[in-house]
N, C-alpha and C. Protein backbone atom coordinates (compact mmCIF):
# COMPACT_ATOMS: atom_id res chain seq x y z
N UNK A 1 79.79 52.55 -43.05
CA UNK A 1 79.09 53.42 -42.13
C UNK A 1 79.97 54.65 -41.84
N UNK A 2 79.34 55.80 -41.70
CA UNK A 2 80.05 57.06 -41.50
C UNK A 2 80.32 57.26 -40.00
N UNK A 3 81.55 57.60 -39.70
CA UNK A 3 81.93 57.85 -38.31
C UNK A 3 81.31 59.17 -37.84
N UNK A 4 80.80 59.24 -36.62
CA UNK A 4 80.20 60.48 -36.11
C UNK A 4 81.19 61.62 -36.03
N UNK A 5 82.49 61.31 -35.97
CA UNK A 5 83.50 62.37 -35.86
C UNK A 5 83.71 63.09 -37.19
N UNK A 6 83.50 62.34 -38.26
CA UNK A 6 83.79 62.90 -39.59
C UNK A 6 82.72 63.90 -40.00
N UNK A 7 83.13 64.89 -40.71
CA UNK A 7 82.21 65.86 -41.29
C UNK A 7 82.35 65.78 -42.80
N UNK A 8 81.24 65.71 -43.44
CA UNK A 8 81.24 65.60 -44.90
C UNK A 8 80.48 66.78 -45.49
N UNK A 9 81.06 67.37 -46.47
CA UNK A 9 80.39 68.44 -47.20
C UNK A 9 79.98 67.86 -48.55
N UNK A 10 78.70 67.81 -48.77
CA UNK A 10 78.21 67.26 -50.03
C UNK A 10 78.30 68.29 -51.13
N UNK A 11 78.06 67.86 -52.32
CA UNK A 11 78.19 68.71 -53.50
C UNK A 11 77.29 69.93 -53.40
N UNK A 12 77.82 71.07 -53.80
CA UNK A 12 77.08 72.32 -53.79
C UNK A 12 76.21 72.36 -55.03
N UNK A 13 74.90 72.49 -54.85
CA UNK A 13 73.96 72.47 -55.96
C UNK A 13 73.41 73.87 -56.18
N UNK A 14 73.28 74.26 -57.42
CA UNK A 14 72.73 75.56 -57.75
C UNK A 14 71.47 75.36 -58.57
N UNK A 15 70.38 75.95 -58.09
CA UNK A 15 69.13 75.95 -58.83
C UNK A 15 68.92 77.36 -59.36
N UNK A 16 67.77 77.67 -59.93
CA UNK A 16 67.52 78.94 -60.61
C UNK A 16 68.19 80.14 -59.93
N UNK A 17 67.64 80.63 -58.83
CA UNK A 17 68.21 81.78 -58.16
C UNK A 17 68.64 81.44 -56.74
N UNK A 18 68.70 80.20 -56.40
CA UNK A 18 69.00 79.80 -55.03
C UNK A 18 70.19 78.87 -55.03
N UNK A 19 71.13 79.14 -54.16
CA UNK A 19 72.30 78.30 -54.01
C UNK A 19 72.11 77.49 -52.73
N UNK A 20 72.15 76.17 -52.83
CA UNK A 20 71.88 75.30 -51.69
C UNK A 20 73.16 74.58 -51.31
N UNK A 21 73.54 74.66 -50.05
CA UNK A 21 74.71 73.96 -49.55
C UNK A 21 74.26 72.99 -48.47
N UNK A 22 74.57 71.72 -48.65
CA UNK A 22 74.15 70.69 -47.70
C UNK A 22 75.38 70.16 -46.99
N UNK A 23 75.34 70.14 -45.67
CA UNK A 23 76.46 69.67 -44.87
C UNK A 23 75.98 68.56 -43.93
N UNK A 24 76.68 67.44 -43.94
CA UNK A 24 76.36 66.33 -43.07
C UNK A 24 77.39 66.32 -41.95
N UNK A 25 76.94 66.56 -40.73
CA UNK A 25 77.86 66.66 -39.61
C UNK A 25 77.30 65.90 -38.41
N UNK A 26 78.04 64.90 -37.93
CA UNK A 26 77.65 64.10 -36.77
C UNK A 26 76.22 63.58 -36.90
N UNK A 27 75.89 63.04 -38.05
CA UNK A 27 74.58 62.47 -38.36
C UNK A 27 73.45 63.49 -38.34
N UNK A 28 73.74 64.77 -38.25
CA UNK A 28 72.68 65.78 -38.33
C UNK A 28 72.80 66.48 -39.68
N UNK A 29 71.70 66.76 -40.26
CA UNK A 29 71.69 67.36 -41.59
C UNK A 29 71.40 68.84 -41.47
N UNK A 30 72.27 69.65 -42.00
CA UNK A 30 72.11 71.10 -41.96
C UNK A 30 72.00 71.60 -43.40
N UNK A 31 71.06 72.48 -43.63
CA UNK A 31 70.89 73.04 -44.96
C UNK A 31 70.96 74.55 -44.88
N UNK A 32 71.79 75.13 -45.73
CA UNK A 32 71.90 76.59 -45.83
C UNK A 32 71.36 77.00 -47.19
N UNK A 33 70.56 78.05 -47.20
CA UNK A 33 70.03 78.57 -48.45
C UNK A 33 70.42 80.03 -48.55
N UNK A 34 71.04 80.41 -49.64
CA UNK A 34 71.42 81.80 -49.85
C UNK A 34 70.96 82.24 -51.23
N UNK A 35 70.56 83.49 -51.34
CA UNK A 35 70.09 84.03 -52.60
C UNK A 35 71.28 84.45 -53.46
N UNK A 36 71.22 84.13 -54.71
CA UNK A 36 72.24 84.55 -55.67
C UNK A 36 71.65 85.73 -56.44
N UNK A 37 72.41 86.77 -56.59
CA UNK A 37 71.93 87.95 -57.28
C UNK A 37 71.63 87.62 -58.74
N UNK A 38 70.44 87.96 -59.18
CA UNK A 38 70.06 87.64 -60.56
C UNK A 38 69.73 88.90 -61.35
N UNK A 39 70.21 90.06 -60.91
CA UNK A 39 69.93 91.29 -61.65
C UNK A 39 70.87 91.38 -62.83
N UNK A 40 70.32 91.71 -63.96
CA UNK A 40 71.10 91.86 -65.19
C UNK A 40 71.15 93.34 -65.53
N UNK A 41 72.21 93.73 -66.21
CA UNK A 41 72.29 95.12 -66.63
C UNK A 41 71.89 95.26 -68.09
N UNK A 42 71.54 96.46 -68.46
CA UNK A 42 71.07 96.78 -69.80
C UNK A 42 72.13 96.39 -70.84
N UNK A 43 71.68 95.84 -71.97
CA UNK A 43 72.59 95.38 -73.03
C UNK A 43 72.94 96.46 -74.04
N UNK A 44 72.44 97.67 -73.85
CA UNK A 44 72.72 98.76 -74.77
C UNK A 44 74.09 99.36 -74.45
N UNK A 45 74.84 99.72 -75.49
CA UNK A 45 76.19 100.27 -75.33
C UNK A 45 76.13 101.56 -74.49
N UNK A 46 76.97 101.62 -73.47
CA UNK A 46 77.07 102.82 -72.64
C UNK A 46 76.10 102.86 -71.47
N UNK A 47 75.26 101.86 -71.29
CA UNK A 47 74.28 101.86 -70.20
C UNK A 47 74.62 100.76 -69.20
N UNK A 48 74.57 101.10 -67.92
CA UNK A 48 74.87 100.12 -66.88
C UNK A 48 73.72 100.02 -65.88
N UNK A 49 72.52 100.44 -66.29
CA UNK A 49 71.36 100.38 -65.40
C UNK A 49 70.80 98.97 -65.33
N UNK A 50 69.98 98.72 -64.32
CA UNK A 50 69.34 97.42 -64.14
C UNK A 50 68.28 97.23 -65.22
N UNK A 51 68.17 96.01 -65.74
CA UNK A 51 67.22 95.77 -66.84
C UNK A 51 65.80 95.68 -66.33
N UNK A 52 64.88 96.08 -67.20
CA UNK A 52 63.45 95.99 -66.90
C UNK A 52 62.83 94.85 -67.69
N UNK A 53 63.26 94.68 -68.94
CA UNK A 53 62.70 93.65 -69.82
C UNK A 53 63.82 92.85 -70.45
N UNK A 54 63.49 91.65 -70.87
CA UNK A 54 64.45 90.84 -71.62
C UNK A 54 63.73 90.23 -72.82
N UNK A 55 64.44 90.14 -73.92
CA UNK A 55 63.88 89.62 -75.16
C UNK A 55 64.88 88.69 -75.82
N UNK A 56 64.37 87.82 -76.67
CA UNK A 56 65.24 87.03 -77.53
C UNK A 56 65.85 88.00 -78.54
N UNK A 57 67.10 87.82 -78.85
CA UNK A 57 67.80 88.74 -79.75
C UNK A 57 67.13 88.82 -81.11
N UNK A 58 66.70 87.68 -81.65
CA UNK A 58 66.09 87.69 -82.98
C UNK A 58 64.77 88.46 -82.99
N UNK A 59 64.10 88.55 -81.86
CA UNK A 59 62.80 89.23 -81.80
C UNK A 59 62.94 90.75 -81.69
N UNK A 60 63.95 91.27 -81.01
CA UNK A 60 64.02 92.70 -80.69
C UNK A 60 65.14 93.44 -81.41
N UNK A 61 66.08 92.74 -82.04
CA UNK A 61 67.25 93.40 -82.63
C UNK A 61 66.89 94.43 -83.68
N UNK A 62 65.94 94.12 -84.53
CA UNK A 62 65.54 95.07 -85.59
C UNK A 62 65.00 96.36 -84.99
N UNK A 63 64.21 96.26 -83.95
CA UNK A 63 63.64 97.45 -83.29
C UNK A 63 64.73 98.29 -82.64
N UNK A 64 65.74 97.65 -82.08
CA UNK A 64 66.83 98.38 -81.43
C UNK A 64 67.64 99.14 -82.47
N UNK A 65 67.96 98.51 -83.59
CA UNK A 65 68.73 99.21 -84.62
C UNK A 65 67.92 100.32 -85.28
N UNK A 66 66.61 100.11 -85.44
CA UNK A 66 65.76 101.16 -86.02
C UNK A 66 65.63 102.37 -85.10
N UNK A 67 65.77 102.18 -83.79
CA UNK A 67 65.69 103.31 -82.87
C UNK A 67 67.04 103.98 -82.65
N UNK A 68 68.08 103.54 -83.37
CA UNK A 68 69.38 104.20 -83.34
C UNK A 68 70.27 103.77 -82.18
N UNK A 69 70.01 102.64 -81.57
CA UNK A 69 70.81 102.15 -80.46
C UNK A 69 71.70 100.99 -80.91
N UNK A 70 72.76 100.74 -80.16
CA UNK A 70 73.65 99.63 -80.46
C UNK A 70 73.72 98.70 -79.25
N UNK A 71 73.84 97.40 -79.54
CA UNK A 71 73.89 96.38 -78.50
C UNK A 71 75.35 96.03 -78.21
N UNK A 72 75.66 95.77 -76.92
CA UNK A 72 77.03 95.42 -76.52
C UNK A 72 77.49 94.13 -77.19
N UNK A 73 76.70 93.08 -77.08
CA UNK A 73 77.06 91.79 -77.66
C UNK A 73 75.92 91.30 -78.54
N UNK A 74 76.05 91.48 -79.84
CA UNK A 74 74.98 91.12 -80.77
C UNK A 74 74.81 89.62 -80.92
N UNK A 75 75.80 88.84 -80.47
CA UNK A 75 75.71 87.38 -80.58
C UNK A 75 75.03 86.72 -79.39
N UNK A 76 74.68 87.51 -78.37
CA UNK A 76 74.03 86.95 -77.18
C UNK A 76 72.63 86.44 -77.54
N UNK A 77 72.16 85.47 -76.80
CA UNK A 77 70.83 84.90 -77.07
C UNK A 77 69.72 85.81 -76.57
N UNK A 78 69.99 86.56 -75.50
CA UNK A 78 68.99 87.45 -74.93
C UNK A 78 69.53 88.86 -74.87
N UNK A 79 68.62 89.82 -74.98
CA UNK A 79 68.97 91.23 -74.83
C UNK A 79 68.16 91.78 -73.68
N UNK A 80 68.86 92.45 -72.76
CA UNK A 80 68.23 93.04 -71.59
C UNK A 80 68.15 94.55 -71.81
N UNK A 81 66.99 95.14 -71.52
CA UNK A 81 66.76 96.56 -71.79
C UNK A 81 66.26 97.23 -70.51
N UNK A 82 66.87 98.38 -70.14
CA UNK A 82 66.43 99.13 -68.96
C UNK A 82 65.16 99.91 -69.29
N UNK A 83 64.56 100.53 -68.30
CA UNK A 83 63.30 101.25 -68.48
C UNK A 83 63.44 102.42 -69.46
N UNK A 84 64.55 103.16 -69.38
CA UNK A 84 64.75 104.31 -70.27
C UNK A 84 64.88 103.88 -71.73
N UNK A 85 65.67 102.85 -71.99
CA UNK A 85 65.84 102.40 -73.37
C UNK A 85 64.60 101.66 -73.87
N UNK A 86 63.85 101.04 -72.98
CA UNK A 86 62.62 100.36 -73.40
C UNK A 86 61.61 101.36 -73.94
N UNK A 87 61.59 102.58 -73.38
CA UNK A 87 60.68 103.62 -73.87
C UNK A 87 60.95 103.93 -75.35
N UNK A 88 62.22 104.02 -75.71
CA UNK A 88 62.55 104.35 -77.10
C UNK A 88 62.38 103.14 -78.02
N UNK A 89 62.73 101.97 -77.56
CA UNK A 89 62.64 100.76 -78.38
C UNK A 89 61.18 100.34 -78.57
N UNK A 90 60.36 100.60 -77.57
CA UNK A 90 58.96 100.17 -77.61
C UNK A 90 58.21 100.78 -78.80
N UNK A 91 58.50 102.02 -79.13
CA UNK A 91 57.82 102.68 -80.25
C UNK A 91 58.09 101.95 -81.56
N UNK A 92 59.34 101.62 -81.81
CA UNK A 92 59.70 100.89 -83.04
C UNK A 92 59.16 99.47 -82.99
N UNK A 93 59.19 98.86 -81.81
CA UNK A 93 58.73 97.48 -81.65
C UNK A 93 57.24 97.37 -81.93
N UNK A 94 56.46 98.35 -81.47
CA UNK A 94 55.02 98.31 -81.70
C UNK A 94 54.69 98.46 -83.18
N UNK A 95 55.45 99.32 -83.90
CA UNK A 95 55.23 99.48 -85.34
C UNK A 95 55.53 98.20 -86.10
N UNK A 96 56.61 97.53 -85.71
CA UNK A 96 57.01 96.31 -86.41
C UNK A 96 56.10 95.12 -86.12
N UNK A 97 55.52 95.08 -84.95
CA UNK A 97 54.67 93.94 -84.59
C UNK A 97 53.18 94.22 -84.78
N UNK A 98 52.84 95.34 -85.39
CA UNK A 98 51.43 95.67 -85.57
C UNK A 98 50.66 94.61 -86.37
N UNK A 99 51.18 94.11 -87.50
CA UNK A 99 50.43 93.06 -88.22
C UNK A 99 50.22 91.80 -87.37
N UNK A 100 51.21 91.48 -86.58
CA UNK A 100 51.10 90.30 -85.71
C UNK A 100 50.02 90.52 -84.65
N UNK A 101 50.00 91.72 -84.08
CA UNK A 101 49.01 92.02 -83.05
C UNK A 101 47.60 92.09 -83.62
N UNK A 102 47.47 92.51 -84.88
CA UNK A 102 46.15 92.56 -85.51
C UNK A 102 45.58 91.16 -85.71
N UNK A 103 46.45 90.20 -85.99
CA UNK A 103 45.99 88.81 -86.10
C UNK A 103 45.44 88.30 -84.78
N UNK A 104 46.00 88.79 -83.67
CA UNK A 104 45.53 88.35 -82.34
C UNK A 104 44.22 89.02 -81.98
N UNK A 105 43.88 90.14 -82.63
CA UNK A 105 42.66 90.86 -82.32
C UNK A 105 42.87 91.99 -81.31
N UNK A 106 44.11 92.50 -81.19
CA UNK A 106 44.38 93.61 -80.27
C UNK A 106 44.51 94.89 -81.01
């Protein structure tokens, strides 16, 4: 049995964007919830703006290289693109995915 004098801090659990800290103190349960910043910055070399879109690297890499841009880490699983760079990449991306979109009926 836990003594009322003792205070126990349970394991800190992290879920998607929320950090939950549970503290057991004198048989009363207190829960604190704090937001963890989940903003990512653009993956294009020389850009530090907040990202607007994210893509799997294998899906968007060809469009980025065709538009004359370079990625900071080409081995990353995801690429984050800000609004300004998305405008330039989108043109190449639409050309490359046109046959795929025609199959969908768009």
